[in-house]
Amino acid sequence: TLAVTDTYGTTTDSIVRTRTPAFTLTGASDSGYTSPAAAGVTSVRLQVASGTSGGTFADSGTAVTTANSDGTYTLTLASQADGTYRVQAIVTDLAGNTSTATAVTIYVDVTPTVPTILDLSTASDSAGTGTTGTTSDDRTNVQTPVVTGTSEAGSTVTLSGTINGVTTVLGTATASNTAVSGVAGGTGTWSITTTTLAEGVHSLTATSTDAAGNVSGASTALAM
């Protein structure tokens, strides 16, 4: 406001700025990505809990403080026994704030299960009129008998037979998945119709390969 005084009185006028400065903003190239270091991440650690629900999470393995070149982190769990686990990551920043990632479920399976209870099926175990056998003596007049047993659910069972010192593969099957879906372990049943067998005493054994690729040793032999 401008005020001027003369001998005749005071005259007042207002000066109003009607134009504002013009600004041009030129930004640096920005990919929109903030690296973990820029975000203030100081460490990432893993926690693990047993089972698919419940349980208490506990730190596992060593916390990692340095990101990979692409901004990701690589962490290693401490050794775990066979079973189902939930794993979550805890991120800590410079201010000590923490953030927890959604837990994921993993299945640890390092111990193969040896097939058990090999038996000649009742239908193949010759008995009745014209025979002196029973349904439990593992004697058969069927050249392609059915052999049954148990193994880890979902595993692939390989049945082998030895006669006169020569061992051959007689067939394969998948053990039925009687366990809870997606849960490691559990027992399944299997049955294999053998290839044509010569007359004589056959020593039958079975091995299993589970979903993790673990191969078991041979089962106790069945003399048929």
Protein backbone atom coordinates (compact mmCIF):
# COMPACT_ATOMS: atom_id res chain seq x y z
CA THR A 1 0.00 0.00 0.00
CA LEU A 2 1.35 3.41 -0.99
CA ALA A 3 0.29 6.56 0.94
CA VAL A 4 1.14 10.11 -0.28
CA THR A 5 0.45 13.24 1.79
CA ASP A 6 0.35 16.79 0.36
CA THR A 7 -1.01 20.14 1.55
CA TYR A 8 -4.50 19.16 0.53
CA GLY A 9 -4.71 15.89 2.36
CA THR A 10 -3.76 12.27 2.03
CA THR A 11 -4.31 10.12 -1.01
CA THR A 12 -4.00 6.35 -0.71
CA ASP A 13 -3.56 3.88 -3.51
CA SER A 14 -3.10 0.11 -3.52
CA ILE A 15 -0.52 -1.65 -5.62
CA VAL A 16 -1.51 -5.24 -6.36
CA ARG A 17 0.83 -7.85 -7.88
CA THR A 18 -1.16 -9.64 -10.53
CA ARG A 19 1.57 -11.91 -11.93
CA THR A 20 3.27 -14.83 -10.18
CA PRO A 21 6.71 -16.18 -11.00
CA ALA A 22 6.85 -19.04 -13.47
CA PHE A 23 8.82 -22.17 -12.45
CA THR A 24 10.06 -25.00 -14.62
CA LEU A 25 11.00 -28.21 -12.75
CA THR A 26 13.51 -30.52 -14.36
CA GLY A 27 13.87 -33.83 -12.48
CA ALA A 28 16.65 -36.39 -12.72
CA SER A 29 15.96 -39.73 -14.40
CA ASP A 30 13.92 -41.74 -11.89
CA SER A 31 13.07 -45.38 -12.34
CA GLY A 32 10.68 -45.27 -9.41
CA TYR A 33 12.71 -47.91 -7.56
CA THR A 34 14.13 -47.36 -4.10
CA SER A 35 16.97 -49.70 -3.21
CA PRO A 36 16.94 -51.43 0.18
CA ALA A 37 19.95 -49.39 1.24
CA ALA A 38 18.17 -46.15 0.35
CA ALA A 39 15.12 -47.35 2.24
CA GLY A 40 17.27 -47.83 5.32
CA VAL A 41 17.14 -51.63 5.59
CA THR A 42 19.86 -52.83 7.94
CA SER A 43 19.13 -56.57 8.19
CA VAL A 44 16.84 -59.39 7.14
CA ARG A 45 16.46 -62.56 9.21
CA LEU A 46 14.40 -65.73 9.01
CA GLN A 47 12.09 -67.26 11.59
CA VAL A 48 10.60 -70.75 11.51
CA ALA A 49 7.69 -72.50 13.24
CA SER A 50 6.65 -76.15 13.10
CA GLY A 51 3.43 -77.25 11.44
CA THR A 52 0.96 -75.55 9.14
CA SER A 53 -0.60 -73.45 11.91
CA GLY A 54 -0.01 -72.46 15.51
CA GLY A 55 3.38 -72.85 17.12
CA THR A 56 5.91 -70.16 18.00
CA PHE A 57 8.28 -68.60 15.48
CA ALA A 58 11.97 -68.61 16.39
CA ASP A 59 15.02 -67.16 14.65
CA SER A 60 16.75 -69.61 12.32
CA GLY A 61 20.02 -69.19 10.50
CA THR A 62 22.11 -66.01 10.31
CA ALA A 63 20.70 -62.54 9.61
CA VAL A 64 21.86 -60.97 6.35
CA THR A 65 22.88 -57.30 6.24
CA THR A 66 23.94 -56.94 2.60
CA ALA A 67 21.60 -57.13 -0.37
CA ASN A 68 22.41 -58.82 -3.65
CA SER A 69 23.13 -56.60 -6.65
CA ASP A 70 19.47 -56.79 -7.71
CA GLY A 71 18.21 -55.72 -4.29
CA THR A 72 17.15 -59.18 -3.13
CA TYR A 73 18.40 -61.03 -0.08
CA THR A 74 19.54 -64.65 0.13
CA LEU A 75 19.11 -66.36 3.50
CA THR A 76 19.69 -69.93 4.66
CA LEU A 77 17.62 -71.74 7.27
CA ALA A 78 19.33 -73.72 9.98
CA SER A 79 19.12 -77.49 9.47
CA GLN A 80 15.62 -78.87 10.09
CA ALA A 81 14.38 -82.41 10.63
CA ASP A 82 11.85 -83.95 8.24
CA GLY A 83 8.49 -82.25 8.60
CA THR A 84 6.31 -79.28 7.70
CA TYR A 85 7.32 -75.73 8.66
CA ARG A 86 6.24 -72.12 8.24
CA VAL A 87 8.97 -69.60 7.43
CA GLN A 88 8.79 -65.81 7.61
CA ALA A 89 11.27 -62.99 7.06
CA ILE A 90 11.80 -60.08 9.48
CA VAL A 91 13.17 -56.82 8.04
CA THR A 92 14.78 -54.17 10.29
CA ASP A 93 15.53 -50.57 9.27
CA LEU A 94 17.92 -47.89 10.59
CA ALA A 95 15.36 -46.65 13.11
CA GLY A 96 14.88 -50.11 14.56
CA ASN A 97 11.45 -50.57 13.00
CA THR A 98 10.62 -54.12 11.91
CA SER A 99 8.33 -55.52 9.26
CA THR A 100 7.25 -59.16 8.92
CA ALA A 101 6.65 -60.83 5.56
CA THR A 102 3.77 -63.25 5.12
CA ALA A 103 4.86 -66.75 6.15
CA VAL A 104 5.25 -69.50 3.56
CA THR A 105 4.95 -73.24 4.16
CA ILE A 106 7.81 -75.57 3.28
CA TYR A 107 8.27 -79.33 3.52
CA VAL A 108 11.62 -80.77 4.58
CA ASP A 109 12.12 -84.32 3.35
CA VAL A 110 15.61 -85.79 3.51
CA THR A 111 14.96 -89.27 4.87
CA PRO A 112 13.53 -91.86 2.45
CA THR A 113 11.05 -94.42 3.74
CA VAL A 114 11.84 -98.08 3.10
CA PRO A 115 8.80 -99.99 1.78
CA THR A 116 7.40 -102.49 4.28
CA ILE A 117 4.93 -105.36 4.59
CA LEU A 118 5.59 -106.94 1.20
CA ASP A 119 3.04 -109.66 0.64
CA LEU A 120 1.53 -111.72 -2.12
CA SER A 121 -2.06 -110.57 -2.57
CA THR A 122 -4.74 -112.98 -1.38
CA ALA A 123 -6.10 -113.30 -4.91
CA SER A 124 -2.67 -114.37 -6.19
CA ASP A 125 -1.85 -116.67 -3.27
CA SER A 126 -3.03 -120.02 -4.64
CA ALA A 127 -5.25 -122.05 -2.34
CA GLY A 128 -8.41 -124.08 -2.37
CA THR A 129 -9.51 -127.04 -4.47
CA GLY A 130 -6.68 -128.77 -6.27
CA THR A 131 -3.94 -127.15 -4.16
CA THR A 132 -2.30 -127.77 -0.83
CA GLY A 133 -1.61 -124.08 -0.27
CA THR A 134 -3.14 -121.38 1.90
CA THR A 135 -3.82 -117.71 1.30
CA SER A 136 -0.83 -116.77 3.44
CA ASP A 137 1.96 -119.13 2.36
CA ASP A 138 3.20 -116.93 -0.52
CA ARG A 139 2.92 -119.80 -3.00
CA THR A 140 1.23 -119.12 -6.32
CA ASN A 141 0.44 -120.75 -9.63
CA VAL A 142 -0.04 -117.32 -11.20
CA GLN A 143 2.88 -116.25 -13.39
CA THR A 144 2.03 -112.55 -13.06
CA PRO A 145 1.04 -112.31 -9.39
CA VAL A 146 0.15 -109.14 -7.52
CA VAL A 147 2.47 -108.03 -4.72
CA THR A 148 1.35 -105.42 -2.18
CA GLY A 149 3.00 -103.29 0.48
CA THR A 150 3.27 -99.86 2.09
CA SER A 151 5.56 -96.89 1.59
CA GLU A 152 5.64 -93.12 1.97
CA ALA A 153 2.50 -91.63 0.45
CA GLY A 154 3.12 -90.41 -3.09
CA SER A 155 6.47 -92.17 -3.45
CA THR A 156 7.36 -94.33 -6.45
CA VAL A 157 7.95 -97.97 -5.53
CA THR A 158 10.16 -100.26 -7.61
CA LEU A 159 9.75 -104.01 -7.12
CA SER A 160 12.68 -106.28 -7.99
CA GLY A 161 13.00 -110.03 -7.98
CA THR A 162 16.04 -112.29 -7.74
CA ILE A 163 16.13 -115.90 -8.92
CA ASN A 164 19.21 -118.01 -9.58
CA GLY A 165 21.39 -115.01 -8.77
CA VAL A 166 19.82 -112.77 -11.42
CA THR A 167 17.91 -109.64 -10.34
CA THR A 168 15.36 -107.93 -12.56
CA VAL A 169 12.82 -105.13 -12.11
CA LEU A 170 9.33 -106.62 -11.96
CA GLY A 171 7.29 -103.42 -11.93
CA THR A 172 6.70 -99.97 -10.42
CA ALA A 173 3.78 -98.21 -8.75
CA THR A 174 2.94 -95.04 -6.84
CA ALA A 175 2.00 -95.41 -3.18
CA SER A 176 -1.49 -94.02 -2.66
CA ASN A 177 -1.56 -90.59 -1.09
CA THR A 178 -3.46 -91.35 2.11
CA ALA A 179 -1.74 -88.50 3.96
CA VAL A 180 -3.12 -84.96 4.23
CA SER A 181 -2.65 -83.22 0.91
CA GLY A 182 0.68 -81.40 0.70
CA VAL A 183 2.05 -82.77 3.96
CA ALA A 184 5.32 -84.66 3.87
CA GLY A 185 5.38 -88.16 5.30
CA GLY A 186 2.35 -90.32 5.84
CA THR A 187 1.92 -93.89 4.69
CA GLY A 188 0.44 -95.04 1.41
CA THR A 189 -0.33 -98.49 0.02
CA TRP A 190 0.77 -99.90 -3.32
CA SER A 191 0.26 -102.99 -5.45
CA ILE A 192 2.28 -104.19 -8.42
CA THR A 193 1.39 -106.84 -10.97
CA THR A 194 4.71 -108.43 -11.83
CA THR A 195 6.10 -109.26 -15.21
CA THR A 196 5.88 -112.93 -16.20
CA LEU A 197 7.83 -115.05 -13.73
CA ALA A 198 9.58 -118.36 -14.27
CA GLU A 199 8.90 -121.28 -11.95
CA GLY A 200 11.03 -121.25 -8.83
CA VAL A 201 11.63 -119.34 -5.62
CA HIS A 202 11.84 -115.59 -6.17
CA SER A 203 13.31 -113.20 -3.59
CA LEU A 204 11.33 -109.96 -3.86
CA THR A 205 12.48 -106.58 -2.55
CA ALA A 206 11.21 -103.04 -3.03
CA THR A 207 12.75 -99.57 -2.94
CA SER A 208 10.98 -96.21 -2.96
CA THR A 209 11.80 -92.79 -4.41
CA ASP A 210 9.96 -89.93 -2.70
CA ALA A 211 8.87 -86.58 -4.11
CA ALA A 212 12.14 -84.97 -2.99
CA GLY A 213 14.17 -87.52 -4.96
CA ASN A 214 15.40 -89.48 -1.94
CA VAL A 215 15.91 -93.17 -2.73
CA SER A 216 15.47 -95.73 0.05
CA GLY A 217 17.37 -98.89 0.67
CA ALA A 218 15.80 -102.25 -0.14
CA SER A 219 12.97 -103.66 1.93
CA THR A 220 13.11 -106.94 3.79
CA ALA A 221 12.95 -109.68 1.17
CA LEU A 222 9.82 -111.71 0.52
CA ALA A 223 10.42 -115.30 -0.59
CA MET A 224 7.73 -116.25 -3.08
